Amino acid sequence: MVRCHLSRLMGEHKLKIADVARETGLHRNTITLLYNETANRVDLETIDRLCALFECTVGELFEYIPDATNTA
């Protein structure tokens, strides 16, 4: 499972979805899907813009958590 920490980063910076959309030029729906962790795929440009806005690394924005049921 891949977790997105966008909601935490937005909370730390006191930003709303509209603020992130305005600052990054990304569509509100894209941000909402990442915020709610319901996105199925993410463009590299989206990751680039979010990392630039929050001055973070990809590892701070996304985290891989192994699924215990998939370990063989």
Protein backbone atom coordinates (compact mmCIF):
# COMPACT_ATOMS: atom_id res chain seq x y z
CA MET A 1 0.00 0.00 0.00
CA VAL A 2 1.22 3.50 -0.79
CA ARG A 3 0.15 6.23 1.63
CA CYS A 4 -0.04 9.86 0.60
CA HIS A 5 0.78 12.41 3.28
CA LEU A 6 -0.69 15.39 1.43
CA SER A 7 -3.38 15.97 4.06
CA ARG A 8 -0.75 16.10 6.82
CA LEU A 9 1.47 18.48 4.84
CA MET A 10 -1.49 20.71 4.05
CA GLY A 11 -2.46 20.77 7.72
CA GLU A 12 1.07 21.66 8.80
CA HIS A 13 1.13 24.55 6.31
CA LYS A 14 -2.50 25.51 7.01
CA LEU A 15 -3.44 25.22 3.34
CA LYS A 16 -6.79 24.32 1.83
CA ILE A 17 -7.32 22.39 -1.39
CA ALA A 18 -8.07 25.66 -3.21
CA ASP A 19 -4.78 27.13 -1.94
CA VAL A 20 -2.77 24.15 -3.21
CA ALA A 21 -4.58 24.26 -6.56
CA ARG A 22 -3.82 27.97 -6.95
CA GLU A 23 -0.17 27.64 -5.92
CA THR A 24 0.60 24.57 -8.05
CA GLY A 25 -1.72 25.02 -11.03
CA LEU A 26 -3.04 21.49 -10.46
CA HIS A 27 -6.73 20.66 -10.86
CA ARG A 28 -8.74 20.63 -7.64
CA ASN A 29 -9.94 17.09 -8.36
CA THR A 30 -6.35 15.82 -8.54
CA ILE A 31 -5.56 17.35 -5.16
CA THR A 32 -8.80 16.04 -3.64
CA LEU A 33 -8.05 12.49 -4.79
CA LEU A 34 -4.57 12.63 -3.26
CA TYR A 35 -5.85 14.32 -0.10
CA ASN A 36 -8.43 11.55 0.41
CA GLU A 37 -5.94 8.85 -0.68
CA THR A 38 -8.30 7.61 -3.39
CA ALA A 39 -6.07 8.34 -6.41
CA ASN A 40 -5.15 5.32 -8.53
CA ARG A 41 -2.23 6.98 -10.32
CA VAL A 42 -0.22 10.17 -10.06
CA ASP A 43 1.67 12.00 -12.81
CA LEU A 44 5.32 12.83 -12.20
CA GLU A 45 4.52 16.50 -12.90
CA THR A 46 1.98 16.44 -10.06
CA ILE A 47 4.54 14.98 -7.65
CA ASP A 48 7.10 17.54 -8.80
CA ARG A 49 4.77 20.49 -8.20
CA LEU A 50 3.66 19.25 -4.77
CA CYS A 51 7.23 18.58 -3.63
CA ALA A 52 8.22 22.07 -4.81
CA LEU A 53 5.31 23.69 -2.97
CA PHE A 54 5.96 21.89 0.31
CA GLU A 55 9.76 21.83 -0.13
CA CYS A 56 9.76 18.11 0.59
CA THR A 57 11.07 14.91 -0.93
CA VAL A 58 8.97 12.27 -2.64
CA GLY A 59 9.56 10.08 0.43
CA GLU A 60 7.98 12.73 2.64
CA LEU A 61 4.94 12.99 0.36
CA PHE A 62 4.46 9.25 -0.24
CA GLU A 63 5.23 6.22 1.92
CA TYR A 64 5.25 2.55 0.97
CA ILE A 65 3.75 0.27 3.60
CA PRO A 66 4.06 -3.46 2.83
CA ASP A 67 0.78 -5.36 2.99
CA ALA A 68 1.10 -8.22 5.47
CA THR A 69 -1.19 -10.43 3.38
CA ASN A 70 1.03 -10.13 0.30
CA THR A 71 4.22 -11.38 1.89
CA ALA A 72 5.16 -14.85 0.73
